[in-house]
Amino acid sequence: MDEVTLCPKPRFLVIPWPATSHMIPIVDIGCLLAADGAPVTIITTPSSSQLVQSRVDDRAGQAGSADTTVTALPFPAMEAGLPDGCEPWAVPEGVPGCGRIRLKNRGP
């Protein structure tokens, strides 16, 4: 009899593109993976974490995606030459310099 080697259960790290229209579908895909038994970690920033967590919570009741973790990492605004607290998808009003992020992301 041949020896069978089982692969370990896959784990998924999901990093959605930072725009609401991109976050919701990829979070839903992560929840579907978790509902099928795969552990899923979704990485986001503090300004988006509430949206992502609420979507995961909504899906947990429907699809049983209990093995989904949302982890918020700070957006490195200062390292990118932007004011602290400035994120490309949640530009706060009244923060000088935040408009520059759109110009930096446009390319040549």
PDB file of N, CA and C in Angstrom:
ATOM      1  N   MET A   1       0.855  -1.179   0.000  1.00  0.00           N
ATOM      2  CA  MET A   1       0.000   0.000   0.000  1.00  0.00           C
ATOM      3  C   MET A   1       0.897   1.237   0.000  1.00  0.00           C
ATOM      4  N   ASP A   2       0.613   2.191  -0.877  1.00  0.00           N
ATOM      5  CA  ASP A   2       1.392   3.431  -0.943  1.00  0.00           C
ATOM      6  C   ASP A   2       1.049   4.342   0.223  1.00  0.00           C
ATOM      7  N   GLU A   3       2.055   5.040   0.682  1.00  0.00           N
ATOM      8  CA  GLU A   3       1.841   6.004   1.758  1.00  0.00           C
ATOM      9  C   GLU A   3       1.254   7.286   1.162  1.00  0.00           C
ATOM     10  N   VAL A   4       0.230   7.807   1.799  1.00  0.00           N
ATOM     11  CA  VAL A   4      -0.439   9.020   1.324  1.00  0.00           C
ATOM     12  C   VAL A   4       0.020  10.191   2.182  1.00  0.00           C
ATOM     13  N   THR A   5       0.468  11.243   1.525  1.00  0.00           N
ATOM     14  CA  THR A   5       0.863  12.441   2.237  1.00  0.00           C
ATOM     15  C   THR A   5      -0.245  13.482   2.103  1.00  0.00           C
ATOM     16  N   LEU A   6      -0.755  13.920   3.221  1.00  0.00           N
ATOM     17  CA  LEU A   6      -1.809  14.924   3.205  1.00  0.00           C
ATOM     18  C   LEU A   6      -1.203  16.318   3.287  1.00  0.00           C
ATOM     19  N   CYS A   7      -1.737  17.201   2.501  1.00  0.00           N
ATOM     20  CA  CYS A   7      -1.296  18.595   2.564  1.00  0.00           C
ATOM     21  C   CYS A   7      -1.950  19.263   3.763  1.00  0.00           C
ATOM     22  N   PRO A   8      -1.227  20.167   4.402  1.00  0.00           N
ATOM     23  CA  PRO A   8      -1.848  20.889   5.512  1.00  0.00           C
ATOM     24  C   PRO A   8      -2.966  21.788   4.989  1.00  0.00           C
ATOM     25  N   LYS A   9      -3.883  22.120   5.876  1.00  0.00           N
ATOM     26  CA  LYS A   9      -4.987  22.992   5.504  1.00  0.00           C
ATOM     27  C   LYS A   9      -4.432  24.347   5.051  1.00  0.00           C
ATOM     28  N   PRO A  10      -4.880  24.855   3.903  1.00  0.00           N
ATOM     29  CA  PRO A  10      -4.350  26.150   3.434  1.00  0.00           C
ATOM     30  C   PRO A  10      -4.829  27.297   4.312  1.00  0.00           C
ATOM     31  N   ARG A  11      -4.007  28.304   4.411  1.00  0.00           N
ATOM     32  CA  ARG A  11      -4.339  29.542   5.108  1.00  0.00           C
ATOM     33  C   ARG A  11      -4.289  30.645   4.059  1.00  0.00           C
ATOM     34  N   PHE A  12      -5.151  31.639   4.193  1.00  0.00           N
ATOM     35  CA  PHE A  12      -5.210  32.717   3.217  1.00  0.00           C
ATOM     36  C   PHE A  12      -4.967  34.060   3.882  1.00  0.00           C
ATOM     37  N   LEU A  13      -4.145  34.868   3.243  1.00  0.00           N
ATOM     38  CA  LEU A  13      -3.900  36.240   3.659  1.00  0.00           C
ATOM     39  C   LEU A  13      -4.489  37.115   2.557  1.00  0.00           C
ATOM     40  N   VAL A  14      -5.475  37.918   2.912  1.00  0.00           N
ATOM     41  CA  VAL A  14      -6.198  38.734   1.941  1.00  0.00           C
ATOM     42  C   VAL A  14      -5.864  40.198   2.195  1.00  0.00           C
ATOM     43  N   ILE A  15      -5.389  40.870   1.137  1.00  0.00           N
ATOM     44  CA  ILE A  15      -5.068  42.295   1.233  1.00  0.00           C
ATOM     45  C   ILE A  15      -5.863  43.017   0.150  1.00  0.00           C
ATOM     46  N   PRO A  16      -7.031  43.555   0.509  1.00  0.00           N
ATOM     47  CA  PRO A  16      -7.857  44.211  -0.499  1.00  0.00           C
ATOM     48  C   PRO A  16      -7.251  45.525  -0.983  1.00  0.00           C
ATOM     49  N   TRP A  17      -7.519  45.849  -2.249  1.00  0.00           N
ATOM     50  CA  TRP A  17      -7.139  47.158  -2.783  1.00  0.00           C
ATOM     51  C   TRP A  17      -7.921  48.199  -1.990  1.00  0.00           C
ATOM     52  N   PRO A  18      -7.278  49.279  -1.583  1.00  0.00           N
ATOM     53  CA  PRO A  18      -7.906  50.239  -0.664  1.00  0.00           C
ATOM     54  C   PRO A  18      -8.954  51.157  -1.310  1.00  0.00           C
ATOM     55  N   ALA A  19     -10.031  50.584  -1.746  1.00  0.00           N
ATOM     56  CA  ALA A  19     -11.186  51.335  -2.230  1.00  0.00           C
ATOM     57  C   ALA A  19     -12.408  50.484  -1.897  1.00  0.00           C
ATOM     58  N   THR A  20     -13.468  51.126  -1.425  1.00  0.00           N
ATOM     59  CA  THR A  20     -14.644  50.379  -0.970  1.00  0.00           C
ATOM     60  C   THR A  20     -15.157  49.415  -2.025  1.00  0.00           C
ATOM     61  N   SER A  21     -15.169  49.844  -3.279  1.00  0.00           N
ATOM     62  CA  SER A  21     -15.691  48.973  -4.341  1.00  0.00           C
ATOM     63  C   SER A  21     -14.824  47.736  -4.559  1.00  0.00           C
ATOM     64  N   HIS A  22     -13.594  47.762  -4.081  1.00  0.00           N
ATOM     65  CA  HIS A  22     -12.706  46.602  -4.188  1.00  0.00           C
ATOM     66  C   HIS A  22     -12.703  45.801  -2.886  1.00  0.00           C
ATOM     67  N   MET A  23     -12.837  46.491  -1.758  1.00  0.00           N
ATOM     68  CA  MET A  23     -12.754  45.820  -0.457  1.00  0.00           C
ATOM     69  C   MET A  23     -13.906  44.844  -0.241  1.00  0.00           C
ATOM     70  N   ILE A  24     -15.121  45.286  -0.502  1.00  0.00           N
ATOM     71  CA  ILE A  24     -16.287  44.456  -0.192  1.00  0.00           C
ATOM     72  C   ILE A  24     -16.253  43.115  -0.931  1.00  0.00           C
ATOM     73  N   PRO A  25     -16.014  43.081  -2.244  1.00  0.00           N
ATOM     74  CA  PRO A  25     -15.980  41.769  -2.916  1.00  0.00           C
ATOM     75  C   PRO A  25     -14.856  40.854  -2.419  1.00  0.00           C
ATOM     76  N   ILE A  26     -13.673  41.394  -2.165  1.00  0.00           N
ATOM     77  CA  ILE A  26     -12.576  40.532  -1.726  1.00  0.00           C
ATOM     78  C   ILE A  26     -12.801  40.051  -0.289  1.00  0.00           C
ATOM     79  N   VAL A  27     -13.432  40.880   0.539  1.00  0.00           N
ATOM     80  CA  VAL A  27     -13.785  40.441   1.898  1.00  0.00           C
ATOM     81  C   VAL A  27     -14.811  39.315   1.808  1.00  0.00           C
ATOM     82  N   ASP A  28     -15.776  39.446   0.901  1.00  0.00           N
ATOM     83  CA  ASP A  28     -16.762  38.380   0.717  1.00  0.00           C
ATOM     84  C   ASP A  28     -16.095  37.075   0.266  1.00  0.00           C
ATOM     85  N   ILE A  29     -15.119  37.172  -0.626  1.00  0.00           N
ATOM     86  CA  ILE A  29     -14.384  35.977  -1.066  1.00  0.00           C
ATOM     87  C   ILE A  29     -13.643  35.355   0.112  1.00  0.00           C
ATOM     88  N   GLY A  30     -13.010  36.195   0.943  1.00  0.00           N
ATOM     89  CA  GLY A  30     -12.330  35.691   2.134  1.00  0.00           C
ATOM     90  C   GLY A  30     -13.291  34.960   3.063  1.00  0.00           C
ATOM     91  N   CYS A  31     -14.483  35.512   3.221  1.00  0.00           N
ATOM     92  CA  CYS A  31     -15.484  34.871   4.085  1.00  0.00           C
ATOM     93  C   CYS A  31     -15.954  33.538   3.501  1.00  0.00           C
ATOM     94  N   LEU A  32     -16.066  33.462   2.181  1.00  0.00           N
ATOM     95  CA  LEU A  32     -16.434  32.186   1.548  1.00  0.00           C
ATOM     96  C   LEU A  32     -15.350  31.128   1.764  1.00  0.00           C
ATOM     97  N   LEU A  33     -14.092  31.536   1.666  1.00  0.00           N
ATOM     98  CA  LEU A  33     -12.991  30.612   1.935  1.00  0.00           C
ATOM     99  C   LEU A  33     -13.055  30.116   3.379  1.00  0.00           C
ATOM    100  N   ALA A  34     -13.321  31.043   4.300  1.00  0.00           N
ATOM    101  CA  ALA A  34     -13.412  30.671   5.717  1.00  0.00           C
ATOM    102  C   ALA A  34     -14.611  29.759   5.968  1.00  0.00           C
ATOM    103  N   ALA A  35     -15.706  30.011   5.270  1.00  0.00           N
ATOM    104  CA  ALA A  35     -16.891  29.161   5.432  1.00  0.00           C
ATOM    105  C   ALA A  35     -16.612  27.739   4.969  1.00  0.00           C
ATOM    106  N   ASP A  36     -15.631  27.594   4.083  1.00  0.00           N
ATOM    107  CA  ASP A  36     -15.249  26.270   3.592  1.00  0.00           C
ATOM    108  C   ASP A  36     -14.175  25.629   4.480  1.00  0.00           C
ATOM    109  N   GLY A  37     -13.846  26.303   5.582  1.00  0.00           N
ATOM    110  CA  GLY A  37     -12.932  25.715   6.559  1.00  0.00           C
ATOM    111  C   GLY A  37     -11.510  26.233   6.547  1.00  0.00           C
ATOM    112  N   ALA A  38     -11.196  27.182   5.683  1.00  0.00           N
ATOM    113  CA  ALA A  38      -9.827  27.706   5.617  1.00  0.00           C
ATOM    114  C   ALA A  38      -9.688  28.934   6.514  1.00  0.00           C
ATOM    115  N   PRO A  39      -8.643  29.000   7.323  1.00  0.00           N
ATOM    116  CA  PRO A  39      -8.409  30.207   8.119  1.00  0.00           C
ATOM    117  C   PRO A  39      -8.031  31.367   7.193  1.00  0.00           C
ATOM    118  N   VAL A  40      -8.634  32.529   7.420  1.00  0.00           N
ATOM    119  CA  VAL A  40      -8.408  33.708   6.581  1.00  0.00           C
ATOM    120  C   VAL A  40      -8.064  34.898   7.462  1.00  0.00           C
ATOM    121  N   THR A  41      -7.015  35.633   7.069  1.00  0.00           N
ATOM    122  CA  THR A  41      -6.671  36.895   7.711  1.00  0.00           C
ATOM    123  C   THR A  41      -6.794  37.991   6.663  1.00  0.00           C
ATOM    124  N   ILE A  42      -7.549  39.032   7.002  1.00  0.00           N
ATOM    125  CA  ILE A  42      -7.730  40.166   6.105  1.00  0.00           C
ATOM    126  C   ILE A  42      -6.960  41.338   6.690  1.00  0.00           C
ATOM    127  N   ILE A  43      -6.033  41.882   5.893  1.00  0.00           N
ATOM    128  CA  ILE A  43      -5.215  43.011   6.322  1.00  0.00           C
ATOM    129  C   ILE A  43      -5.855  44.295   5.797  1.00  0.00           C
ATOM    130  N   THR A  44      -5.985  45.281   6.655  1.00  0.00           N
ATOM    131  CA  THR A  44      -6.540  46.569   6.266  1.00  0.00           C
ATOM    132  C   THR A  44      -5.877  47.660   7.098  1.00  0.00           C
ATOM    133  N   THR A  45      -6.334  48.881   6.942  1.00  0.00           N
ATOM    134  CA  THR A  45      -5.814  49.988   7.735  1.00  0.00           C
ATOM    135  C   THR A  45      -6.867  50.394   8.757  1.00  0.00           C
ATOM    136  N   PRO A  46      -6.485  51.172   9.768  1.00  0.00           N
ATOM    137  CA  PRO A  46      -7.451  51.558  10.795  1.00  0.00           C
ATOM    138  C   PRO A  46      -8.704  52.259  10.248  1.00  0.00           C
ATOM    139  N   SER A  47      -8.553  53.097   9.211  1.00  0.00           N
ATOM    140  CA  SER A  47      -9.732  53.804   8.704  1.00  0.00           C
ATOM    141  C   SER A  47     -10.703  52.878   7.977  1.00  0.00           C
ATOM    142  N   SER A  48     -10.236  51.740   7.508  1.00  0.00           N
ATOM    143  CA  SER A  48     -11.103  50.798   6.794  1.00  0.00           C
ATOM    144  C   SER A  48     -11.506  49.600   7.653  1.00  0.00           C
ATOM    145  N   SER A  49     -10.908  49.464   8.812  1.00  0.00           N
ATOM    146  CA  SER A  49     -11.129  48.248   9.597  1.00  0.00           C
ATOM    147  C   SER A  49     -12.576  48.092  10.047  1.00  0.00           C
ATOM    148  N   GLN A  50     -13.262  49.191  10.337  1.00  0.00           N
ATOM    149  CA  GLN A  50     -14.653  49.084  10.774  1.00  0.00           C
ATOM    150  C   GLN A  50     -15.539  48.559   9.636  1.00  0.00           C
ATOM    151  N   LEU A  51     -15.328  49.058   8.428  1.00  0.00           N
ATOM    152  CA  LEU A  51     -16.081  48.575   7.264  1.00  0.00           C
ATOM    153  C   LEU A  51     -15.814  47.086   7.042  1.00  0.00           C
ATOM    154  N   VAL A  52     -14.548  46.707   7.071  1.00  0.00           N
ATOM    155  CA  VAL A  52     -14.181  45.313   6.819  1.00  0.00           C
ATOM    156  C   VAL A  52     -14.735  44.404   7.923  1.00  0.00           C
ATOM    157  N   GLN A  53     -14.567  44.804   9.174  1.00  0.00           N
ATOM    158  CA  GLN A  53     -15.053  43.980  10.283  1.00  0.00           C
ATOM    159  C   GLN A  53     -16.568  43.827  10.245  1.00  0.00           C
ATOM    160  N   SER A  54     -17.284  44.907   9.915  1.00  0.00           N
ATOM    161  CA  SER A  54     -18.748  44.799   9.862  1.00  0.00           C
ATOM    162  C   SER A  54     -19.174  43.859   8.735  1.00  0.00           C
ATOM    163  N   ARG A  55     -18.455  43.876   7.620  1.00  0.00           N
ATOM    164  CA  ARG A  55     -18.763  42.972   6.508  1.00  0.00           C
ATOM    165  C   ARG A  55     -18.502  41.521   6.918  1.00  0.00           C
ATOM    166  N   VAL A  56     -17.388  41.289   7.618  1.00  0.00           N
ATOM    167  CA  VAL A  56     -17.072  39.940   8.103  1.00  0.00           C
ATOM    168  C   VAL A  56     -18.143  39.482   9.094  1.00  0.00           C
ATOM    169  N   ASP A  57     -18.544  40.367  10.001  1.00  0.00           N
ATOM    170  CA  ASP A  57     -19.574  40.017  10.987  1.00  0.00           C
ATOM    171  C   ASP A  57     -20.895  39.678  10.315  1.00  0.00           C
ATOM    172  N   ASP A  58     -21.272  40.446   9.276  1.00  0.00           N
ATOM    173  CA  ASP A  58     -22.503  40.162   8.533  1.00  0.00           C
ATOM    174  C   ASP A  58     -22.423  38.794   7.865  1.00  0.00           C
ATOM    175  N   ARG A  59     -21.288  38.490   7.265  1.00  0.00           N
ATOM    176  CA  ARG A  59     -21.101  37.225   6.556  1.00  0.00           C
ATOM    177  C   ARG A  59     -20.983  36.050   7.524  1.00  0.00           C
ATOM    178  N   ALA A  60     -20.482  36.285   8.714  1.00  0.00           N
ATOM    179  CA  ALA A  60     -20.303  35.200   9.688  1.00  0.00           C
ATOM    180  C   ALA A  60     -21.652  34.570  10.032  1.00  0.00           C
ATOM    181  N   GLY A  61     -22.684  35.386  10.131  1.00  0.00           N
ATOM    182  CA  GLY A  61     -24.007  34.860  10.431  1.00  0.00           C
ATOM    183  C   GLY A  61     -24.604  34.101   9.267  1.00  0.00           C
ATOM    184  N   GLN A  62     -24.250  34.478   8.045  1.00  0.00           N
ATOM    185  CA  GLN A  62     -24.838  33.863   6.858  1.00  0.00           C
ATOM    186  C   GLN A  62     -24.074  32.622   6.401  1.00  0.00           C
ATOM    187  N   ALA A  63     -22.762  32.729   6.364  1.00  0.00           N
ATOM    188  CA  ALA A  63     -21.975  31.647   5.760  1.00  0.00           C
ATOM    189  C   ALA A  63     -21.097  30.900   6.758  1.00  0.00           C
ATOM    190  N   GLY A  64     -21.149  31.282   8.015  1.00  0.00           N
ATOM    191  CA  GLY A  64     -20.346  30.596   9.009  1.00  0.00           C
ATOM    192  C   GLY A  64     -18.854  30.848   8.884  1.00  0.00           C
ATOM    193  N   SER A  65     -18.479  32.069   8.518  1.00  0.00           N
ATOM    194  CA  SER A  65     -17.055  32.382   8.323  1.00  0.00           C
ATOM    195  C   SER A  65     -16.407  32.796   9.641  1.00  0.00           C
ATOM    196  N   ALA A  66     -16.500  31.921  10.621  1.00  0.00           N
ATOM    197  CA  ALA A  66     -15.984  32.230  11.949  1.00  0.00           C
ATOM    198  C   ALA A  66     -14.470  32.272  12.003  1.00  0.00           C
ATOM    199  N   ASP A  67     -13.808  31.701  11.024  1.00  0.00           N
ATOM    200  CA  ASP A  67     -12.345  31.637  11.043  1.00  0.00           C
ATOM    201  C   ASP A  67     -11.722  32.761  10.218  1.00  0.00           C
ATOM    202  N   THR A  68     -12.343  33.951  10.284  1.00  0.00           N
ATOM    203  CA  THR A  68     -11.840  35.120   9.575  1.00  0.00           C
ATOM    204  C   THR A  68     -11.366  36.138  10.594  1.00  0.00           C
ATOM    205  N   THR A  69     -10.114  36.580  10.450  1.00  0.00           N
ATOM    206  CA  THR A  69      -9.532  37.570  11.346  1.00  0.00           C
ATOM    207  C   THR A  69      -9.255  38.839  10.565  1.00  0.00           C
ATOM    208  N   VAL A  70      -9.638  39.979  11.129  1.00  0.00           N
ATOM    209  CA  VAL A  70      -9.337  41.274  10.520  1.00  0.00           C
ATOM    210  C   VAL A  70      -8.205  41.903  11.314  1.00  0.00           C
ATOM    211  N   THR A  71      -7.132  42.270  10.618  1.00  0.00           N
ATOM    212  CA  THR A  71      -5.972  42.893  11.255  1.00  0.00           C
ATOM    213  C   THR A  71      -5.732  44.249  10.619  1.00  0.00           C
ATOM    214  N   ALA A  72      -5.714  45.286  11.450  1.00  0.00           N
ATOM    215  CA  ALA A  72      -5.482  46.644  10.961  1.00  0.00           C
ATOM    216  C   ALA A  72      -4.022  47.029  11.172  1.00  0.00           C
ATOM    217  N   LEU A  73      -3.377  47.430  10.100  1.00  0.00           N
ATOM    218  CA  LEU A  73      -1.997  47.916  10.155  1.00  0.00           C
ATOM    219  C   LEU A  73      -2.005  49.401   9.800  1.00  0.00           C
ATOM    220  N   PRO A  74      -1.203  50.200  10.465  1.00  0.00           N
ATOM    221  CA  PRO A  74      -1.205  51.636  10.165  1.00  0.00           C
ATOM    222  C   PRO A  74      -0.714  51.923   8.749  1.00  0.00           C
ATOM    223  N   PHE A  75      -1.362  52.882   8.103  1.00  0.00           N
ATOM    224  CA  PHE A  75      -0.949  53.318   6.777  1.00  0.00           C
ATOM    225  C   PHE A  75       0.298  54.191   6.941  1.00  0.00           C
ATOM    226  N   PRO A  76       1.359  53.933   6.198  1.00  0.00           N
ATOM    227  CA  PRO A  76       2.617  54.681   6.375  1.00  0.00           C
ATOM    228  C   PRO A  76       2.602  56.050   5.675  1.00  0.00           C
ATOM    229  N   ALA A  77       1.708  56.917   6.110  1.00  0.00           N
ATOM    230  CA  ALA A  77       1.568  58.229   5.467  1.00  0.00           C
ATOM    231  C   ALA A  77       2.852  59.049   5.577  1.00  0.00           C
ATOM    232  N   MET A  78       3.435  59.091   6.748  1.00  0.00           N
ATOM    233  CA  MET A  78       4.636  59.905   6.960  1.00  0.00           C
ATOM    234  C   MET A  78       5.779  59.435   6.053  1.00  0.00           C
ATOM    235  N   GLU A  79       5.929  58.113   5.915  1.00  0.00           N
ATOM    236  CA  GLU A  79       6.985  57.572   5.065  1.00  0.00           C
ATOM    237  C   GLU A  79       6.771  57.938   3.594  1.00  0.00           C
ATOM    238  N   ALA A  80       5.510  58.176   3.215  1.00  0.00           N
ATOM    239  CA  ALA A  80       5.184  58.538   1.838  1.00  0.00           C
ATOM    240  C   ALA A  80       5.173  60.055   1.637  1.00  0.00           C
ATOM    241  N   GLY A  81       5.559  60.792   2.687  1.00  0.00           N
ATOM    242  CA  GLY A  81       5.595  62.247   2.589  1.00  0.00           C
ATOM    243  C   GLY A  81       4.229  62.900   2.744  1.00  0.00           C
ATOM    244  N   LEU A  82       3.294  62.199   3.400  1.00  0.00           N
ATOM    245  CA  LEU A  82       1.947  62.717   3.604  1.00  0.00           C
ATOM    246  C   LEU A  82       1.716  62.996   5.082  1.00  0.00           C
ATOM    247  N   PRO A  83       0.742  63.833   5.406  1.00  0.00           N
ATOM    248  CA  PRO A  83       0.440  64.097   6.811  1.00  0.00           C
ATOM    249  C   PRO A  83      -0.037  62.827   7.521  1.00  0.00           C
ATOM    250  N   ASP A  84       0.262  62.721   8.801  1.00  0.00           N
ATOM    251  CA  ASP A  84      -0.181  61.576   9.593  1.00  0.00           C
ATOM    252  C   ASP A  84      -1.708  61.522   9.575  1.00  0.00           C
ATOM    253  N   GLY A  85      -2.252  60.348   9.449  1.00  0.00           N
ATOM    254  CA  GLY A  85      -3.694  60.169   9.424  1.00  0.00           C
ATOM    255  C   GLY A  85      -4.297  60.250   8.035  1.00  0.00           C
ATOM    256  N   CYS A  86      -3.473  60.418   7.047  1.00  0.00           N
ATOM    257  CA  CYS A  86      -3.930  60.555   5.662  1.00  0.00           C
ATOM    258  C   CYS A  86      -3.857  59.194   4.974  1.00  0.00           C
ATOM    259  N   GLU A  87      -4.984  58.717   4.490  1.00  0.00           N
ATOM    260  CA  GLU A  87      -5.024  57.457   3.760  1.00  0.00           C
ATOM    261  C   GLU A  87      -5.692  57.717   2.421  1.00  0.00           C
ATOM    262  N   PRO A  88      -5.305  57.004   1.381  1.00  0.00           N
ATOM    263  CA  PRO A  88      -5.806  57.310   0.041  1.00  0.00           C
ATOM    264  C   PRO A  88      -7.307  57.140  -0.143  1.00  0.00           C
ATOM    265  N   TRP A  89      -7.947  56.319   0.649  1.00  0.00           N
ATOM    266  CA  TRP A  89      -9.370  56.056   0.476  1.00  0.00           C
ATOM    267  C   TRP A  89     -10.210  56.728   1.547  1.00  0.00           C
ATOM    268  N   ALA A  90      -9.584  57.422   2.473  1.00  0.00           N
ATOM    269  CA  ALA A  90     -10.316  58.104   3.539  1.00  0.00           C
ATOM    270  C   ALA A  90      -9.625  59.421   3.847  1.00  0.00           C
ATOM    271  N   VAL A  91      -9.591  60.303   2.875  1.00  0.00           N
ATOM    272  CA  VAL A  91      -8.888  61.572   3.058  1.00  0.00           C
ATOM    273  C   VAL A  91      -9.735  62.487   3.937  1.00  0.00           C
ATOM    274  N   PRO A  92      -9.268  62.765   5.153  1.00  0.00           N
ATOM    275  CA  PRO A  92     -10.037  63.631   6.054  1.00  0.00           C
ATOM    276  C   PRO A  92     -10.012  65.077   5.568  1.00  0.00           C
ATOM    277  N   GLU A  93     -11.139  65.747   5.709  1.00  0.00           N
ATOM    278  CA  GLU A  93     -11.193  67.152   5.315  1.00  0.00           C
ATOM    279  C   GLU A  93     -10.415  67.981   6.313  1.00  0.00           C
ATOM    280  N   GLY A  94      -9.781  68.996   5.810  1.00  0.00           N
ATOM    281  CA  GLY A  94      -9.067  69.923   6.690  1.00  0.00           C
ATOM    282  C   GLY A  94      -7.664  69.495   7.050  1.00  0.00           C
ATOM    283  N   VAL A  95      -7.173  68.387   6.513  1.00  0.00           N
ATOM    284  CA  VAL A  95      -5.796  67.967   6.781  1.00  0.00           C
ATOM    285  C   VAL A  95      -4.954  68.430   5.602  1.00  0.00           C
ATOM    286  N   PRO A  96      -4.121  69.451   5.812  1.00  0.00           N
ATOM    287  CA  PRO A  96      -3.326  69.979   4.701  1.00  0.00           C
ATOM    288  C   PRO A  96      -2.406  68.925   4.094  1.00  0.00           C
ATOM    289  N   GLY A  97      -2.337  68.905   2.782  1.00  0.00           N
ATOM    290  CA  GLY A  97      -1.428  68.008   2.097  1.00  0.00           C
ATOM    291  C   GLY A  97      -2.018  66.677   1.698  1.00  0.00           C
ATOM    292  N   CYS A  98      -3.207  66.337   2.188  1.00  0.00           N
ATOM    293  CA  CYS A  98      -3.784  65.030   1.853  1.00  0.00           C
ATOM    294  C   CYS A  98      -4.183  64.944   0.388  1.00  0.00           C
ATOM    295  N   GLY A  99      -4.482  66.045  -0.244  1.00  0.00           N
ATOM    296  CA  GLY A  99      -4.829  66.025  -1.655  1.00  0.00           C
ATOM    297  C   GLY A  99      -3.676  65.564  -2.532  1.00  0.00           C
ATOM    298  N   ARG A 100      -2.444  65.689  -2.033  1.00  0.00           N
ATOM    299  CA  ARG A 100      -1.266  65.279  -2.806  1.00  0.00           C
ATOM    300  C   ARG A 100      -1.251  63.786  -3.077  1.00  0.00           C
ATOM    301  N   ILE A 101      -1.918  62.989  -2.259  1.00  0.00           N
ATOM    302  CA  ILE A 101      -1.860  61.536  -2.447  1.00  0.00           C
ATOM    303  C   ILE A 101      -2.481  61.138  -3.773  1.00  0.00           C
ATOM    304  N   ARG A 102      -3.511  61.827  -4.188  1.00  0.00           N
ATOM    305  CA  ARG A 102      -4.138  61.505  -5.466  1.00  0.00           C
ATOM    306  C   ARG A 102      -3.192  61.816  -6.615  1.00  0.00           C
ATOM    307  N   LEU A 103      -2.441  62.890  -6.489  1.00  0.00           N
ATOM    308  CA  LEU A 103      -1.483  63.234  -7.526  1.00  0.00           C
ATOM    309  C   LEU A 103      -0.348  62.221  -7.589  1.00  0.00           C
ATOM    310  N   LYS A 104       0.106  61.729  -6.423  1.00  0.00           N
ATOM    311  CA  LYS A 104       1.207  60.754  -6.399  1.00  0.00           C
ATOM    312  C   LYS A 104       0.771  59.419  -6.987  1.00  0.00           C
ATOM    313  N   ASN A 105      -0.500  59.067  -6.855  1.00  0.00           N
ATOM    314  CA  ASN A 105      -0.978  57.770  -7.324  1.00  0.00           C
ATOM    315  C   ASN A 105      -1.361  57.775  -8.798  1.00  0.00           C
ATOM    316  N   ARG A 106      -1.380  58.915  -9.450  1.00  0.00           N
ATOM    317  CA  ARG A 106      -1.778  58.980 -10.861  1.00  0.00           C
ATOM    318  C   ARG A 106      -0.704  58.479 -11.803  1.00  0.00           C
ATOM    319  N   GLY A 107       0.517  58.547 -11.397  1.00  0.00           N
ATOM    320  CA  GLY A 107       1.613  58.120 -12.271  1.00  0.00           C
ATOM    321  C   GLY A 107       2.062  59.246 -13.182  1.00  0.00           C
ATOM    322  N   PRO A 108       2.856  58.932 -14.214  1.00  0.00           N
ATOM    323  CA  PRO A 108       3.412  59.980 -15.084  1.00  0.00           C
ATOM    324  C   PRO A 108       2.353  60.668 -15.934  1.00  0.00           C
TER     325      PRO A 108
END
